[in-house]
Amino acid sequence: MKKLKTLSKAAAPRQRQANRGGGGADFQKTATELAAAGRAFYARGWALGTSGNFSAVISRQPLRLAITSTGLDKGTLTPAQFLEIGQSNEVLRGRDRPSAEALLHLTVVRELSAGAVLHTHSVWSTVLSGSHAANGGIALEGYEMLKGLEGVRTHKHREWLPILENSQDMTELATRVSTTLRDNRGIHGFLLREHGLYTWGSDLQEARRHVEILEFLMEVLVRAGAGTR
């Protein structure tokens, strides 16, 4: 019995450490909505297997995000698989590890005051980000669907999707993402080369709409032959 009590006392600090986030109701609601978005993206072929990651802000002061933990099957994503992280990528709620790309989510939120950041990994974004990498990005213009992007009022709009070289050094990549966002004000997303799309919105609903619009337009380009090298 004494041994059991000792183990219980030793485990208690870890439990408190893993669940020191605030706003439990807000976190659960946001995690539920993010899980539903992830399953929908899987169904569309935009986040197959363990690809993609999704986050949304649950607090600005201090900064807190609900975000997918690493290595999850997006087709069976549940609210229980989300973590709460702080501004330094520390886990405040949950027991798993955040995605390695959590630093990119935090960077987008800080630079743009975004309310949600969504990363998909479709065939279309993978193909285009490889075939157009030498140009530094790809232009989307002349399509009526562009008006689904926040602030766009005409099909004549020219949307620039920068393409960044992928890296496993997330600190270095986050720095390049920050520079890209500062140098390309007004964009709605960017691509990682032969990897996938990052987009965002003032809230999760807007971010989901941006995923749908940009994925549609990238599919149109590939089907029209723009994916050939």
Protein backbone atom coordinates (compact mmCIF):
# COMPACT_ATOMS: atom_id res chain seq x y z
CA MET A 1 0.00 0.00 0.00
CA LYS A 2 2.79 2.41 0.80
CA LYS A 3 4.30 1.78 -2.61
CA LEU A 4 1.00 2.59 -4.31
CA LYS A 5 0.66 5.83 -2.35
CA THR A 6 4.19 6.85 -3.33
CA LEU A 7 3.45 6.26 -7.01
CA SER A 8 0.23 8.24 -6.75
CA LYS A 9 2.00 11.24 -5.24
CA ALA A 10 4.72 11.09 -7.87
CA ALA A 11 2.17 10.99 -10.68
CA ALA A 12 0.13 13.93 -9.40
CA PRO A 13 2.53 16.71 -10.49
CA ARG A 14 2.71 15.26 -14.00
CA GLN A 15 -1.07 15.21 -14.21
CA ARG A 16 -1.26 18.85 -13.16
CA GLN A 17 1.54 19.74 -15.58
CA ALA A 18 -0.28 18.10 -18.50
CA ASN A 19 -3.60 19.80 -17.74
CA ARG A 20 -2.81 23.35 -16.69
CA GLY A 21 -4.65 25.00 -19.58
CA GLY A 22 -7.62 27.25 -19.04
CA GLY A 23 -11.05 27.65 -20.62
CA GLY A 24 -12.03 23.98 -20.66
CA ALA A 25 -15.40 24.57 -22.33
CA ASP A 26 -13.85 26.71 -25.09
CA PHE A 27 -11.13 24.10 -25.64
CA GLN A 28 -13.62 21.23 -25.96
CA LYS A 29 -15.85 23.17 -28.37
CA THR A 30 -12.89 24.16 -30.52
CA ALA A 31 -11.40 20.65 -30.50
CA THR A 32 -14.76 19.23 -31.56
CA GLU A 33 -15.00 21.66 -34.48
CA LEU A 34 -11.40 21.03 -35.56
CA ALA A 35 -11.90 17.27 -35.44
CA ALA A 36 -14.96 17.59 -37.68
CA ALA A 37 -12.96 19.72 -40.13
CA GLY A 38 -10.15 17.18 -40.20
CA ARG A 39 -12.52 14.30 -40.95
CA ALA A 40 -14.14 16.36 -43.71
CA PHE A 41 -10.75 17.09 -45.27
CA TYR A 42 -9.87 13.39 -45.13
CA ALA A 43 -13.11 12.57 -46.93
CA ARG A 44 -12.17 15.00 -49.71
CA GLY A 45 -8.67 13.50 -50.07
CA TRP A 46 -7.00 16.62 -48.69
CA ALA A 47 -5.50 15.09 -45.53
CA LEU A 48 -5.00 11.36 -45.97
CA GLY A 49 -3.30 9.11 -43.46
CA THR A 50 -1.38 11.11 -40.87
CA SER A 51 -0.84 14.15 -43.12
CA GLY A 52 -2.05 17.64 -42.24
CA ASN A 53 -2.52 19.46 -38.96
CA PHE A 54 -5.11 21.90 -37.68
CA SER A 55 -5.26 24.57 -34.98
CA ALA A 56 -7.44 27.36 -33.64
CA VAL A 57 -6.91 30.10 -31.07
CA ILE A 58 -8.75 29.66 -27.78
CA SER A 59 -7.07 32.60 -25.99
CA ARG A 60 -5.10 35.66 -27.10
CA GLN A 61 -3.85 36.85 -23.73
CA PRO A 62 -2.10 34.61 -22.95
CA LEU A 63 -1.83 32.95 -26.35
CA ARG A 64 -3.32 29.45 -26.36
CA LEU A 65 -4.01 27.14 -29.31
CA ALA A 66 -5.96 23.92 -29.67
CA ILE A 67 -3.94 21.80 -32.10
CA THR A 68 -3.70 18.24 -33.39
CA SER A 69 -1.21 15.97 -31.69
CA THR A 70 1.32 14.19 -33.88
CA GLY A 71 0.84 11.08 -36.01
CA LEU A 72 -2.95 10.95 -36.19
CA ASP A 73 -5.19 9.31 -38.77
CA LYS A 74 -7.28 12.27 -39.93
CA GLY A 75 -10.15 10.04 -41.02
CA THR A 76 -10.89 9.06 -37.41
CA LEU A 77 -9.90 12.31 -35.70
CA THR A 78 -11.59 12.95 -32.34
CA PRO A 79 -11.63 15.93 -29.93
CA ALA A 80 -9.68 13.87 -27.38
CA GLN A 81 -6.69 13.84 -29.75
CA PHE A 82 -6.19 17.60 -29.54
CA LEU A 83 -3.75 19.41 -27.31
CA GLU A 84 -3.67 22.89 -25.85
CA ILE A 85 -0.32 24.62 -26.36
CA GLY A 86 1.05 27.95 -25.21
CA GLN A 87 3.02 30.61 -27.05
CA SER A 88 6.31 28.71 -26.66
CA ASN A 89 4.81 25.46 -27.97
CA GLU A 90 4.55 24.03 -24.46
CA VAL A 91 1.76 21.50 -23.87
CA LEU A 92 -0.78 22.79 -21.35
CA ARG A 93 -3.49 20.20 -21.86
CA GLY A 94 -3.21 16.62 -23.10
CA ARG A 95 -0.49 13.98 -22.92
CA ASP A 96 0.75 13.52 -26.48
CA ARG A 97 3.20 15.63 -28.48
CA PRO A 98 2.07 18.43 -30.80
CA SER A 99 2.81 18.17 -34.49
CA ALA A 100 6.35 19.12 -35.42
CA GLU A 101 4.81 21.93 -37.45
CA ALA A 102 3.13 23.57 -34.44
CA LEU A 103 5.77 26.31 -34.66
CA LEU A 104 4.45 27.23 -38.10
CA HIS A 105 0.92 27.56 -36.72
CA LEU A 106 2.16 29.82 -33.94
CA THR A 107 4.08 31.92 -36.47
CA VAL A 108 1.02 32.46 -38.68
CA VAL A 109 -1.14 33.37 -35.66
CA ARG A 110 1.42 35.89 -34.41
CA GLU A 111 2.13 37.49 -37.79
CA LEU A 112 -1.47 37.75 -39.01
CA SER A 113 -3.57 37.59 -35.83
CA ALA A 114 -5.25 34.57 -37.43
CA GLY A 115 -7.92 32.75 -35.48
CA ALA A 116 -7.36 29.35 -37.12
CA VAL A 117 -4.61 27.73 -39.21
CA LEU A 118 -5.24 24.67 -41.39
CA HIS A 119 -2.65 22.57 -43.21
CA THR A 120 -3.79 20.15 -45.91
CA HIS A 121 -1.75 17.76 -47.97
CA SER A 122 -3.65 17.10 -51.19
CA VAL A 123 -2.39 15.65 -54.46
CA TRP A 124 -2.99 19.03 -56.08
CA SER A 125 -0.90 21.07 -53.65
CA THR A 126 1.87 18.48 -53.71
CA VAL A 127 2.06 18.48 -57.51
CA LEU A 128 1.87 22.26 -57.97
CA SER A 129 4.32 23.07 -55.19
CA GLY A 130 6.86 20.84 -56.90
CA SER A 131 6.32 21.88 -60.50
CA HIS A 132 6.28 25.63 -59.75
CA ALA A 133 8.92 25.79 -57.02
CA ALA A 134 11.47 27.36 -59.35
CA ASN A 135 9.12 30.35 -59.80
CA GLY A 136 8.88 30.93 -56.07
CA GLY A 137 5.11 30.55 -56.15
CA ILE A 138 2.05 30.21 -58.33
CA ALA A 139 -0.56 32.78 -59.39
CA LEU A 140 -4.28 32.07 -59.28
CA GLU A 141 -6.29 34.53 -61.35
CA GLY A 142 -9.38 34.85 -63.52
CA TYR A 143 -11.51 32.38 -61.56
CA GLU A 144 -14.90 33.22 -60.07
CA MET A 145 -14.09 31.02 -57.06
CA LEU A 146 -11.45 33.52 -55.97
CA LYS A 147 -14.29 35.61 -54.53
CA GLY A 148 -14.58 33.02 -51.77
CA LEU A 149 -11.34 34.36 -50.29
CA GLU A 150 -11.83 36.98 -47.61
CA GLY A 151 -11.66 40.51 -49.02
CA VAL A 152 -11.69 39.45 -52.70
CA ARG A 153 -14.50 41.03 -54.73
CA THR A 154 -13.70 40.17 -58.35
CA HIS A 155 -12.61 37.22 -60.46
CA LYS A 156 -9.88 39.49 -61.84
CA HIS A 157 -8.04 39.23 -58.52
CA ARG A 158 -4.55 37.75 -58.70
CA GLU A 159 -3.83 35.51 -55.72
CA TRP A 160 -0.16 34.68 -55.17
CA LEU A 161 0.67 31.42 -53.38
CA PRO A 162 4.34 31.53 -52.35
CA ILE A 163 6.21 28.22 -52.40
CA LEU A 164 8.77 27.64 -49.66
CA GLU A 165 11.39 24.90 -49.63
CA ASN A 166 10.43 22.27 -47.09
CA SER A 167 12.67 21.57 -44.09
CA GLN A 168 12.75 19.34 -41.03
CA ASP A 169 14.30 22.22 -39.06
CA MET A 170 11.07 23.81 -37.85
CA THR A 171 12.76 26.77 -36.18
CA GLU A 172 14.49 27.72 -39.43
CA LEU A 173 11.35 27.08 -41.47
CA ALA A 174 9.22 29.17 -39.09
CA THR A 175 11.65 32.07 -39.62
CA ARG A 176 11.21 31.81 -43.40
CA VAL A 177 7.44 31.60 -43.02
CA SER A 178 7.50 34.77 -40.94
CA THR A 179 9.54 36.58 -43.60
CA THR A 180 7.23 35.35 -46.37
CA LEU A 181 4.13 36.61 -44.57
CA ARG A 182 5.70 40.02 -43.98
CA ASP A 183 6.85 40.32 -47.59
CA ASN A 184 3.51 39.21 -49.08
CA ARG A 185 0.82 41.04 -47.15
CA GLY A 186 -2.70 40.12 -48.16
CA ILE A 187 -2.04 36.54 -49.26
CA HIS A 188 -4.38 33.80 -48.06
CA GLY A 189 -1.98 30.87 -48.03
CA PHE A 190 1.40 29.44 -48.94
CA LEU A 191 2.76 26.09 -50.09
CA LEU A 192 5.62 23.97 -48.81
CA ARG A 193 7.43 22.34 -51.71
CA GLU A 194 6.08 18.85 -52.51
CA HIS A 195 4.33 18.95 -49.16
CA GLY A 196 1.09 20.89 -48.93
CA LEU A 197 -0.98 23.99 -48.30
CA TYR A 198 -1.17 26.30 -45.30
CA THR A 199 -4.09 28.68 -45.05
CA TRP A 200 -5.86 30.55 -42.26
CA GLY A 201 -8.77 32.76 -41.33
CA SER A 202 -10.06 35.10 -38.66
CA ASP A 203 -11.96 32.08 -37.31
CA LEU A 204 -12.29 28.40 -38.13
CA GLN A 205 -15.25 28.88 -40.48
CA GLU A 206 -13.29 31.34 -42.61
CA ALA A 207 -10.20 29.13 -42.61
CA ARG A 208 -12.26 26.13 -43.75
CA ARG A 209 -13.68 28.20 -46.59
CA HIS A 210 -10.17 29.18 -47.66
CA VAL A 211 -9.13 25.52 -47.73
CA GLU A 212 -12.10 24.70 -49.97
CA ILE A 213 -11.45 27.60 -52.35
CA LEU A 214 -7.69 27.09 -52.66
CA GLU A 215 -7.93 23.31 -52.99
CA PHE A 216 -10.58 23.72 -55.70
CA LEU A 217 -8.41 26.17 -57.64
CA MET A 218 -5.29 24.03 -57.35
CA GLU A 219 -7.21 21.00 -58.62
CA VAL A 220 -8.45 23.05 -61.58
CA LEU A 221 -4.87 24.06 -62.43
CA VAL A 222 -3.54 20.51 -62.27
CA ARG A 223 -6.41 19.14 -64.33
CA ALA A 224 -5.80 21.94 -66.86
CA GLY A 225 -2.16 20.87 -67.21
CA ALA A 226 -0.43 23.40 -64.95
CA GLY A 227 1.08 20.61 -62.89
CA THR A 228 3.51 19.48 -65.59
CA ARG A 229 7.13 20.45 -65.06
